[in-house]
Amino acid sequence: MPLFHFIGLDKPDHLAVRMSVRPDHLEFVKDFVRLGGPLLDEHGQPMGSAMIIEAENLETAKVKLAQDPYAKAGLFESTHLRPWRVAIGTLQGYDG
């Protein structure tokens, strides 16, 4: 199944939103995110998300991400989603 790279940058002053929705976000993405975590600011505080996701195609990836609790809570100021593939290293659980 194809892989996609997602970057979402949080709206300013939305750390409380991120933290309150985080448990629901982690539960939601566990079945299709192959690698992910927060982007950090210079003080080590979360200020966005980076994820490698698995989906049938770009449209399916967009639909899944639109249903993410982070997206539904209005956390992101901007998002970018692009097709991606492994060139170096391995990705646990991916055999593509």
PDB file of N, CA and C in Angstrom:
ATOM      1  N   MET A   1       0.861  -1.184   0.000  1.00  0.00           N
ATOM      2  CA  MET A   1       0.000   0.000   0.000  1.00  0.00           C
ATOM      3  C   MET A   1       0.901   1.238   0.000  1.00  0.00           C
ATOM      4  N   PRO A   2       0.541   2.262  -0.743  1.00  0.00           N
ATOM      5  CA  PRO A   2       1.356   3.476  -0.828  1.00  0.00           C
ATOM      6  C   PRO A   2       1.488   4.211   0.513  1.00  0.00           C
ATOM      7  N   LEU A   3       2.572   4.971   0.607  1.00  0.00           N
ATOM      8  CA  LEU A   3       2.845   5.789   1.783  1.00  0.00           C
ATOM      9  C   LEU A   3       2.721   7.271   1.427  1.00  0.00           C
ATOM     10  N   PHE A   4       2.370   8.071   2.448  1.00  0.00           N
ATOM     11  CA  PHE A   4       2.220   9.509   2.288  1.00  0.00           C
ATOM     12  C   PHE A   4       2.851  10.209   3.481  1.00  0.00           C
ATOM     13  N   HIS A   5       3.454  11.359   3.216  1.00  0.00           N
ATOM     14  CA  HIS A   5       4.088  12.174   4.256  1.00  0.00           C
ATOM     15  C   HIS A   5       3.168  13.344   4.576  1.00  0.00           C
ATOM     16  N   PHE A   6       2.849  13.493   5.850  1.00  0.00           N
ATOM     17  CA  PHE A   6       1.962  14.560   6.307  1.00  0.00           C
ATOM     18  C   PHE A   6       2.726  15.477   7.257  1.00  0.00           C
ATOM     19  N   ILE A   7       2.570  16.769   7.061  1.00  0.00           N
ATOM     20  CA  ILE A   7       3.059  17.786   8.000  1.00  0.00           C
ATOM     21  C   ILE A   7       1.884  18.695   8.328  1.00  0.00           C
ATOM     22  N   GLY A   8       1.626  18.875   9.614  1.00  0.00           N
ATOM     23  CA  GLY A   8       0.611  19.815  10.071  1.00  0.00           C
ATOM     24  C   GLY A   8       1.229  20.771  11.071  1.00  0.00           C
ATOM     25  N   LEU A   9       1.146  22.056  10.809  1.00  0.00           N
ATOM     26  CA  LEU A   9       1.671  23.066  11.737  1.00  0.00           C
ATOM     27  C   LEU A   9       0.521  23.634  12.548  1.00  0.00           C
ATOM     28  N   ASP A  10       0.700  23.631  13.865  1.00  0.00           N
ATOM     29  CA  ASP A  10      -0.345  24.095  14.773  1.00  0.00           C
ATOM     30  C   ASP A  10      -0.588  25.598  14.649  1.00  0.00           C
ATOM     31  N   LYS A  11      -1.814  25.995  14.928  1.00  0.00           N
ATOM     32  CA  LYS A  11      -2.130  27.409  15.068  1.00  0.00           C
ATOM     33  C   LYS A  11      -1.403  27.933  16.304  1.00  0.00           C
ATOM     34  N   PRO A  12      -1.008  29.208  16.299  1.00  0.00           N
ATOM     35  CA  PRO A  12      -0.364  29.779  17.481  1.00  0.00           C
ATOM     36  C   PRO A  12      -1.254  29.630  18.722  1.00  0.00           C
ATOM     37  N   ASP A  13      -0.635  29.396  19.837  1.00  0.00           N
ATOM     38  CA  ASP A  13      -1.326  29.319  21.131  1.00  0.00           C
ATOM     39  C   ASP A  13      -2.373  28.205  21.188  1.00  0.00           C
ATOM     40  N   HIS A  14      -2.124  27.100  20.501  1.00  0.00           N
ATOM     41  CA  HIS A  14      -3.059  25.969  20.506  1.00  0.00           C
ATOM     42  C   HIS A  14      -2.508  24.734  21.209  1.00  0.00           C
ATOM     43  N   LEU A  15      -1.489  24.905  22.051  1.00  0.00           N
ATOM     44  CA  LEU A  15      -0.923  23.764  22.766  1.00  0.00           C
ATOM     45  C   LEU A  15      -1.975  23.076  23.633  1.00  0.00           C
ATOM     46  N   ALA A  16      -2.826  23.844  24.287  1.00  0.00           N
ATOM     47  CA  ALA A  16      -3.873  23.255  25.135  1.00  0.00           C
ATOM     48  C   ALA A  16      -4.836  22.410  24.304  1.00  0.00           C
ATOM     49  N   VAL A  17      -5.154  22.860  23.098  1.00  0.00           N
ATOM     50  CA  VAL A  17      -6.018  22.079  22.206  1.00  0.00           C
ATOM     51  C   VAL A  17      -5.324  20.768  21.859  1.00  0.00           C
ATOM     52  N   ARG A  18      -4.045  20.849  21.455  1.00  0.00           N
ATOM     53  CA  ARG A  18      -3.277  19.652  21.115  1.00  0.00           C
ATOM     54  C   ARG A  18      -3.303  18.648  22.266  1.00  0.00           C
ATOM     55  N   MET A  19      -2.998  19.108  23.450  1.00  0.00           N
ATOM     56  CA  MET A  19      -2.878  18.188  24.589  1.00  0.00           C
ATOM     57  C   MET A  19      -4.233  17.595  24.981  1.00  0.00           C
ATOM     58  N   SER A  20      -5.295  18.364  24.862  1.00  0.00           N
ATOM     59  CA  SER A  20      -6.609  17.848  25.260  1.00  0.00           C
ATOM     60  C   SER A  20      -7.137  16.800  24.284  1.00  0.00           C
ATOM     61  N   VAL A  21      -6.750  16.895  23.023  1.00  0.00           N
ATOM     62  CA  VAL A  21      -7.246  15.985  21.992  1.00  0.00           C
ATOM     63  C   VAL A  21      -6.268  14.832  21.732  1.00  0.00           C
ATOM     64  N   ARG A  22      -5.062  14.925  22.251  1.00  0.00           N
ATOM     65  CA  ARG A  22      -4.001  13.962  21.955  1.00  0.00           C
ATOM     66  C   ARG A  22      -4.411  12.507  22.167  1.00  0.00           C
ATOM     67  N   PRO A  23      -5.029  12.118  23.281  1.00  0.00           N
ATOM     68  CA  PRO A  23      -5.399  10.704  23.448  1.00  0.00           C
ATOM     69  C   PRO A  23      -6.324  10.197  22.328  1.00  0.00           C
ATOM     70  N   ASP A  24      -7.296  11.006  21.928  1.00  0.00           N
ATOM     71  CA  ASP A  24      -8.196  10.616  20.847  1.00  0.00           C
ATOM     72  C   ASP A  24      -7.453  10.531  19.513  1.00  0.00           C
ATOM     73  N   HIS A  25      -6.540  11.472  19.278  1.00  0.00           N
ATOM     74  CA  HIS A  25      -5.728  11.470  18.062  1.00  0.00           C
ATOM     75  C   HIS A  25      -4.906  10.186  17.977  1.00  0.00           C
ATOM     76  N   LEU A  26      -4.202   9.840  19.064  1.00  0.00           N
ATOM     77  CA  LEU A  26      -3.352   8.645  19.057  1.00  0.00           C
ATOM     78  C   LEU A  26      -4.162   7.373  18.824  1.00  0.00           C
ATOM     79  N   GLU A  27      -5.324   7.292  19.416  1.00  0.00           N
ATOM     80  CA  GLU A  27      -6.190   6.129  19.206  1.00  0.00           C
ATOM     81  C   GLU A  27      -6.657   6.074  17.750  1.00  0.00           C
ATOM     82  N   PHE A  28      -6.999   7.209  17.180  1.00  0.00           N
ATOM     83  CA  PHE A  28      -7.523   7.257  15.817  1.00  0.00           C
ATOM     84  C   PHE A  28      -6.472   6.852  14.785  1.00  0.00           C
ATOM     85  N   VAL A  29      -5.249   7.331  14.911  1.00  0.00           N
ATOM     86  CA  VAL A  29      -4.237   7.131  13.867  1.00  0.00           C
ATOM     87  C   VAL A  29      -3.482   5.810  13.967  1.00  0.00           C
ATOM     88  N   LYS A  30      -3.680   5.062  15.032  1.00  0.00           N
ATOM     89  CA  LYS A  30      -2.842   3.876  15.266  1.00  0.00           C
ATOM     90  C   LYS A  30      -2.918   2.826  14.162  1.00  0.00           C
ATOM     91  N   ASP A  31      -3.995   2.790  13.392  1.00  0.00           N
ATOM     92  CA  ASP A  31      -4.145   1.765  12.363  1.00  0.00           C
ATOM     93  C   ASP A  31      -3.564   2.142  11.003  1.00  0.00           C
ATOM     94  N   PHE A  32      -3.223   3.399  10.794  1.00  0.00           N
ATOM     95  CA  PHE A  32      -2.693   3.766   9.476  1.00  0.00           C
ATOM     96  C   PHE A  32      -1.418   4.600   9.507  1.00  0.00           C
ATOM     97  N   VAL A  33      -0.995   5.070  10.674  1.00  0.00           N
ATOM     98  CA  VAL A  33       0.276   5.789  10.773  1.00  0.00           C
ATOM     99  C   VAL A  33       1.389   4.770  10.995  1.00  0.00           C
ATOM    100  N   ARG A  34       2.402   4.825  10.154  1.00  0.00           N
ATOM    101  CA  ARG A  34       3.541   3.920  10.277  1.00  0.00           C
ATOM    102  C   ARG A  34       4.683   4.536  11.071  1.00  0.00           C
ATOM    103  N   LEU A  35       4.748   5.861  11.111  1.00  0.00           N
ATOM    104  CA  LEU A  35       5.763   6.587  11.859  1.00  0.00           C
ATOM    105  C   LEU A  35       5.220   7.982  12.084  1.00  0.00           C
ATOM    106  N   GLY A  36       5.324   8.490  13.287  1.00  0.00           N
ATOM    107  CA  GLY A  36       4.798   9.825  13.520  1.00  0.00           C
ATOM    108  C   GLY A  36       5.238  10.391  14.851  1.00  0.00           C
ATOM    109  N   GLY A  37       5.091  11.690  14.968  1.00  0.00           N
ATOM    110  CA  GLY A  37       5.411  12.360  16.215  1.00  0.00           C
ATOM    111  C   GLY A  37       5.280  13.860  16.064  1.00  0.00           C
ATOM    112  N   PRO A  38       5.430  14.564  17.184  1.00  0.00           N
ATOM    113  CA  PRO A  38       5.279  16.015  17.145  1.00  0.00           C
ATOM    114  C   PRO A  38       6.517  16.704  16.587  1.00  0.00           C
ATOM    115  N   LEU A  39       6.284  17.798  15.889  1.00  0.00           N
ATOM    116  CA  LEU A  39       7.361  18.730  15.560  1.00  0.00           C
ATOM    117  C   LEU A  39       7.533  19.615  16.782  1.00  0.00           C
ATOM    118  N   LEU A  40       8.775  19.964  17.099  1.00  0.00           N
ATOM    119  CA  LEU A  40       9.052  20.722  18.322  1.00  0.00           C
ATOM    120  C   LEU A  40       9.612  22.102  18.007  1.00  0.00           C
ATOM    121  N   ASP A  41       9.260  23.072  18.846  1.00  0.00           N
ATOM    122  CA  ASP A  41       9.842  24.399  18.704  1.00  0.00           C
ATOM    123  C   ASP A  41      11.210  24.421  19.389  1.00  0.00           C
ATOM    124  N   GLU A  42      11.842  25.573  19.412  1.00  0.00           N
ATOM    125  CA  GLU A  42      13.190  25.696  19.978  1.00  0.00           C
ATOM    126  C   GLU A  42      13.245  25.429  21.483  1.00  0.00           C
ATOM    127  N   HIS A  43      12.091  25.382  22.141  1.00  0.00           N
ATOM    128  CA  HIS A  43      12.024  25.110  23.581  1.00  0.00           C
ATOM    129  C   HIS A  43      11.589  23.672  23.863  1.00  0.00           C
ATOM    130  N   GLY A  44      11.432  22.871  22.805  1.00  0.00           N
ATOM    131  CA  GLY A  44      11.032  21.485  22.971  1.00  0.00           C
ATOM    132  C   GLY A  44       9.540  21.274  23.124  1.00  0.00           C
ATOM    133  N   GLN A  45       8.757  22.301  22.838  1.00  0.00           N
ATOM    134  CA  GLN A  45       7.305  22.206  22.939  1.00  0.00           C
ATOM    135  C   GLN A  45       6.700  21.812  21.589  1.00  0.00           C
ATOM    136  N   PRO A  46       5.665  20.961  21.592  1.00  0.00           N
ATOM    137  CA  PRO A  46       5.020  20.583  20.336  1.00  0.00           C
ATOM    138  C   PRO A  46       4.457  21.808  19.611  1.00  0.00           C
ATOM    139  N   MET A  47       4.686  21.828  18.281  1.00  0.00           N
ATOM    140  CA  MET A  47       4.160  22.934  17.472  1.00  0.00           C
ATOM    141  C   MET A  47       3.650  22.439  16.122  1.00  0.00           C
ATOM    142  N   GLY A  48       3.497  21.112  16.017  1.00  0.00           N
ATOM    143  CA  GLY A  48       3.016  20.532  14.767  1.00  0.00           C
ATOM    144  C   GLY A  48       3.155  19.025  14.805  1.00  0.00           C
ATOM    145  N   SER A  49       2.797  18.395  13.705  1.00  0.00           N
ATOM    146  CA  SER A  49       2.853  16.942  13.590  1.00  0.00           C
ATOM    147  C   SER A  49       3.500  16.539  12.277  1.00  0.00           C
ATOM    148  N   ALA A  50       4.255  15.446  12.319  1.00  0.00           N
ATOM    149  CA  ALA A  50       4.807  14.813  11.118  1.00  0.00           C
ATOM    150  C   ALA A  50       4.441  13.340  11.176  1.00  0.00           C
ATOM    151  N   MET A  51       3.899  12.815  10.080  1.00  0.00           N
ATOM    152  CA  MET A  51       3.495  11.413  10.061  1.00  0.00           C
ATOM    153  C   MET A  51       3.745  10.814   8.688  1.00  0.00           C
ATOM    154  N   ILE A  52       4.125   9.557   8.683  1.00  0.00           N
ATOM    155  CA  ILE A  52       4.132   8.743   7.480  1.00  0.00           C
ATOM    156  C   ILE A  52       2.912   7.841   7.605  1.00  0.00           C
ATOM    157  N   ILE A  53       1.997   7.980   6.653  1.00  0.00           N
ATOM    158  CA  ILE A  53       0.757   7.205   6.733  1.00  0.00           C
ATOM    159  C   ILE A  53       0.644   6.272   5.531  1.00  0.00           C
ATOM    160  N   GLU A  54      -0.109   5.215   5.735  1.00  0.00           N
ATOM    161  CA  GLU A  54      -0.362   4.236   4.697  1.00  0.00           C
ATOM    162  C   GLU A  54      -1.830   4.365   4.282  1.00  0.00           C
ATOM    163  N   ALA A  55      -2.062   4.473   2.975  1.00  0.00           N
ATOM    164  CA  ALA A  55      -3.430   4.594   2.459  1.00  0.00           C
ATOM    165  C   ALA A  55      -3.459   4.090   1.022  1.00  0.00           C
ATOM    166  N   GLU A  56      -4.641   3.731   0.569  1.00  0.00           N
ATOM    167  CA  GLU A  56      -4.800   3.197  -0.786  1.00  0.00           C
ATOM    168  C   GLU A  56      -4.390   4.201  -1.859  1.00  0.00           C
ATOM    169  N   ASN A  57      -4.673   5.477  -1.610  1.00  0.00           N
ATOM    170  CA  ASN A  57      -4.328   6.528  -2.571  1.00  0.00           C
ATOM    171  C   ASN A  57      -4.379   7.872  -1.852  1.00  0.00           C
ATOM    172  N   LEU A  58      -4.021   8.915  -2.569  1.00  0.00           N
ATOM    173  CA  LEU A  58      -3.965  10.253  -1.971  1.00  0.00           C
ATOM    174  C   LEU A  58      -5.328  10.704  -1.453  1.00  0.00           C
ATOM    175  N   GLU A  59      -6.379  10.430  -2.200  1.00  0.00           N
ATOM    176  CA  GLU A  59      -7.718  10.850  -1.774  1.00  0.00           C
ATOM    177  C   GLU A  59      -8.124  10.159  -0.470  1.00  0.00           C
ATOM    178  N   THR A  60      -7.836   8.871  -0.360  1.00  0.00           N
ATOM    179  CA  THR A  60      -8.140   8.137   0.873  1.00  0.00           C
ATOM    180  C   THR A  60      -7.344   8.709   2.040  1.00  0.00           C
ATOM    181  N   ALA A  61      -6.084   9.057   1.805  1.00  0.00           N
ATOM    182  CA  ALA A  61      -5.258   9.667   2.852  1.00  0.00           C
ATOM    183  C   ALA A  61      -5.868  10.987   3.313  1.00  0.00           C
ATOM    184  N   LYS A  62      -6.342  11.797   2.363  1.00  0.00           N
ATOM    185  CA  LYS A  62      -6.969  13.076   2.716  1.00  0.00           C
ATOM    186  C   LYS A  62      -8.219  12.869   3.560  1.00  0.00           C
ATOM    187  N   VAL A  63      -9.028  11.886   3.183  1.00  0.00           N
ATOM    188  CA  VAL A  63     -10.258  11.607   3.932  1.00  0.00           C
ATOM    189  C   VAL A  63      -9.926  11.166   5.352  1.00  0.00           C
ATOM    190  N   LYS A  64      -8.955  10.266   5.495  1.00  0.00           N
ATOM    191  CA  LYS A  64      -8.557   9.808   6.834  1.00  0.00           C
ATOM    192  C   LYS A  64      -8.078  10.973   7.687  1.00  0.00           C
ATOM    193  N   LEU A  65      -7.218  11.807   7.123  1.00  0.00           N
ATOM    194  CA  LEU A  65      -6.673  12.922   7.896  1.00  0.00           C
ATOM    195  C   LEU A  65      -7.733  13.955   8.258  1.00  0.00           C
ATOM    196  N   ALA A  66      -8.738  14.116   7.437  1.00  0.00           N
ATOM    197  CA  ALA A  66      -9.823  15.045   7.753  1.00  0.00           C
ATOM    198  C   ALA A  66     -10.647  14.561   8.937  1.00  0.00           C
ATOM    199  N   GLN A  67     -10.620  13.254   9.196  1.00  0.00           N
ATOM    200  CA  GLN A  67     -11.356  12.676  10.317  1.00  0.00           C
ATOM    201  C   GLN A  67     -10.531  12.619  11.604  1.00  0.00           C
ATOM    202  N   ASP A  68      -9.255  12.950  11.516  1.00  0.00           N
ATOM    203  CA  ASP A  68      -8.364  12.949  12.688  1.00  0.00           C
ATOM    204  C   ASP A  68      -8.902  13.949  13.723  1.00  0.00           C
ATOM    205  N   PRO A  69      -8.960  13.563  14.996  1.00  0.00           N
ATOM    206  CA  PRO A  69      -9.418  14.500  16.032  1.00  0.00           C
ATOM    207  C   PRO A  69      -8.645  15.826  16.052  1.00  0.00           C
ATOM    208  N   TYR A  70      -7.363  15.818  15.698  1.00  0.00           N
ATOM    209  CA  TYR A  70      -6.623  17.081  15.625  1.00  0.00           C
ATOM    210  C   TYR A  70      -7.251  17.996  14.573  1.00  0.00           C
ATOM    211  N   ALA A  71      -7.547  17.441  13.408  1.00  0.00           N
ATOM    212  CA  ALA A  71      -8.155  18.241  12.338  1.00  0.00           C
ATOM    213  C   ALA A  71      -9.541  18.724  12.753  1.00  0.00           C
ATOM    214  N   LYS A  72     -10.332  17.838  13.339  1.00  0.00           N
ATOM    215  CA  LYS A  72     -11.686  18.207  13.757  1.00  0.00           C
ATOM    216  C   LYS A  72     -11.685  19.290  14.833  1.00  0.00           C
ATOM    217  N   ALA A  73     -10.623  19.328  15.649  1.00  0.00           N
ATOM    218  CA  ALA A  73     -10.519  20.338  16.704  1.00  0.00           C
ATOM    219  C   ALA A  73      -9.978  21.666  16.180  1.00  0.00           C
ATOM    220  N   GLY A  74      -9.618  21.720  14.892  1.00  0.00           N
ATOM    221  CA  GLY A  74      -9.102  22.963  14.320  1.00  0.00           C
ATOM    222  C   GLY A  74      -7.690  23.286  14.763  1.00  0.00           C
ATOM    223  N   LEU A  75      -6.884  22.265  15.070  1.00  0.00           N
ATOM    224  CA  LEU A  75      -5.532  22.477  15.587  1.00  0.00           C
ATOM    225  C   LEU A  75      -4.584  23.084  14.563  1.00  0.00           C
ATOM    226  N   PHE A  76      -4.688  22.656  13.309  1.00  0.00           N
ATOM    227  CA  PHE A  76      -3.655  23.006  12.338  1.00  0.00           C
ATOM    228  C   PHE A  76      -3.904  24.333  11.632  1.00  0.00           C
ATOM    229  N   GLU A  77      -2.825  25.114  11.552  1.00  0.00           N
ATOM    230  CA  GLU A  77      -2.835  26.351  10.773  1.00  0.00           C
ATOM    231  C   GLU A  77      -2.610  26.037   9.292  1.00  0.00           C
ATOM    232  N   SER A  78      -1.750  25.038   9.036  1.00  0.00           N
ATOM    233  CA  SER A  78      -1.487  24.622   7.661  1.00  0.00           C
ATOM    234  C   SER A  78      -1.149  23.135   7.649  1.00  0.00           C
ATOM    235  N   THR A  79      -1.421  22.495   6.510  1.00  0.00           N
ATOM    236  CA  THR A  79      -1.100  21.080   6.343  1.00  0.00           C
ATOM    237  C   THR A  79      -0.538  20.843   4.951  1.00  0.00           C
ATOM    238  N   HIS A  80       0.286  19.817   4.852  1.00  0.00           N
ATOM    239  CA  HIS A  80       0.850  19.383   3.573  1.00  0.00           C
ATOM    240  C   HIS A  80       0.827  17.867   3.550  1.00  0.00           C
ATOM    241  N   LEU A  81       0.372  17.300   2.453  1.00  0.00           N
ATOM    242  CA  LEU A  81       0.299  15.853   2.288  1.00  0.00           C
ATOM    243  C   LEU A  81       0.868  15.516   0.919  1.00  0.00           C
ATOM    244  N   ARG A  82       1.864  14.631   0.896  1.00  0.00           N
ATOM    245  CA  ARG A  82       2.520  14.264  -0.355  1.00  0.00           C
ATOM    246  C   ARG A  82       2.785  12.769  -0.386  1.00  0.00           C
ATOM    247  N   PRO A  83       2.788  12.153  -1.580  1.00  0.00           N
ATOM    248  CA  PRO A  83       3.239  10.766  -1.690  1.00  0.00           C
ATOM    249  C   PRO A  83       4.698  10.668  -1.221  1.00  0.00           C
ATOM    250  N   TRP A  84       5.051   9.520  -0.655  1.00  0.00           N
ATOM    251  CA  TRP A  84       6.381   9.332  -0.062  1.00  0.00           C
ATOM    252  C   TRP A  84       6.782   7.877  -0.204  1.00  0.00           C
ATOM    253  N   ARG A  85       8.092   7.611  -0.280  1.00  0.00           N
ATOM    254  CA  ARG A  85       8.562   6.230  -0.269  1.00  0.00           C
ATOM    255  C   ARG A  85       9.860   6.119   0.512  1.00  0.00           C
ATOM    256  N   VAL A  86      10.100   4.942   1.035  1.00  0.00           N
ATOM    257  CA  VAL A  86      11.311   4.652   1.799  1.00  0.00           C
ATOM    258  C   VAL A  86      12.483   4.528   0.832  1.00  0.00           C
ATOM    259  N   ALA A  87      13.572   5.237   1.100  1.00  0.00           N
ATOM    260  CA  ALA A  87      14.788   5.117   0.300  1.00  0.00           C
ATOM    261  C   ALA A  87      15.941   4.588   1.149  1.00  0.00           C
ATOM    262  N   ILE A  88      15.956   4.946   2.426  1.00  0.00           N
ATOM    263  CA  ILE A  88      17.017   4.522   3.340  1.00  0.00           C
ATOM    264  C   ILE A  88      16.375   4.086   4.643  1.00  0.00           C
ATOM    265  N   GLY A  89      16.837   2.978   5.200  1.00  0.00           N
ATOM    266  CA  GLY A  89      16.313   2.487   6.463  1.00  0.00           C
ATOM    267  C   GLY A  89      15.111   1.592   6.252  1.00  0.00           C
ATOM    268  N   THR A  90      14.442   1.310   7.347  1.00  0.00           N
ATOM    269  CA  THR A  90      13.263   0.454   7.292  1.00  0.00           C
ATOM    270  C   THR A  90      12.130   1.118   8.049  1.00  0.00           C
ATOM    271  N   LEU A  91      10.948   0.686   7.756  1.00  0.00           N
ATOM    272  CA  LEU A  91       9.749   1.212   8.397  1.00  0.00           C
ATOM    273  C   LEU A  91       9.005   0.011   8.975  1.00  0.00           C
ATOM    274  N   GLN A  92       8.986  -0.096  10.284  1.00  0.00           N
ATOM    275  CA  GLN A  92       8.381  -1.234  10.959  1.00  0.00           C
ATOM    276  C   GLN A  92       6.936  -1.440  10.516  1.00  0.00           C
ATOM    277  N   GLY A  93       6.604  -2.678  10.176  1.00  0.00           N
ATOM    278  CA  GLY A  93       5.243  -3.004   9.792  1.00  0.00           C
ATOM    279  C   GLY A  93       4.893  -2.709   8.348  1.00  0.00           C
ATOM    280  N   TYR A  94       5.871  -2.214   7.576  1.00  0.00           N
ATOM    281  CA  TYR A  94       5.602  -1.888   6.170  1.00  0.00           C
ATOM    282  C   TYR A  94       6.362  -2.845   5.280  1.00  0.00           C
ATOM    283  N   ASP A  95       5.659  -3.471   4.347  1.00  0.00           N
ATOM    284  CA  ASP A  95       6.328  -4.430   3.456  1.00  0.00           C
ATOM    285  C   ASP A  95       6.257  -4.006   1.993  1.00  0.00           C
ATOM    286  N   GLY A  96       5.867  -2.752   1.759  1.00  0.00           N
ATOM    287  CA  GLY A  96       5.630  -2.238   0.423  1.00  0.00           C
ATOM    288  C   GLY A  96       6.816  -2.131  -0.436  1.00  0.00           C
TER     289      GLY A  96
END
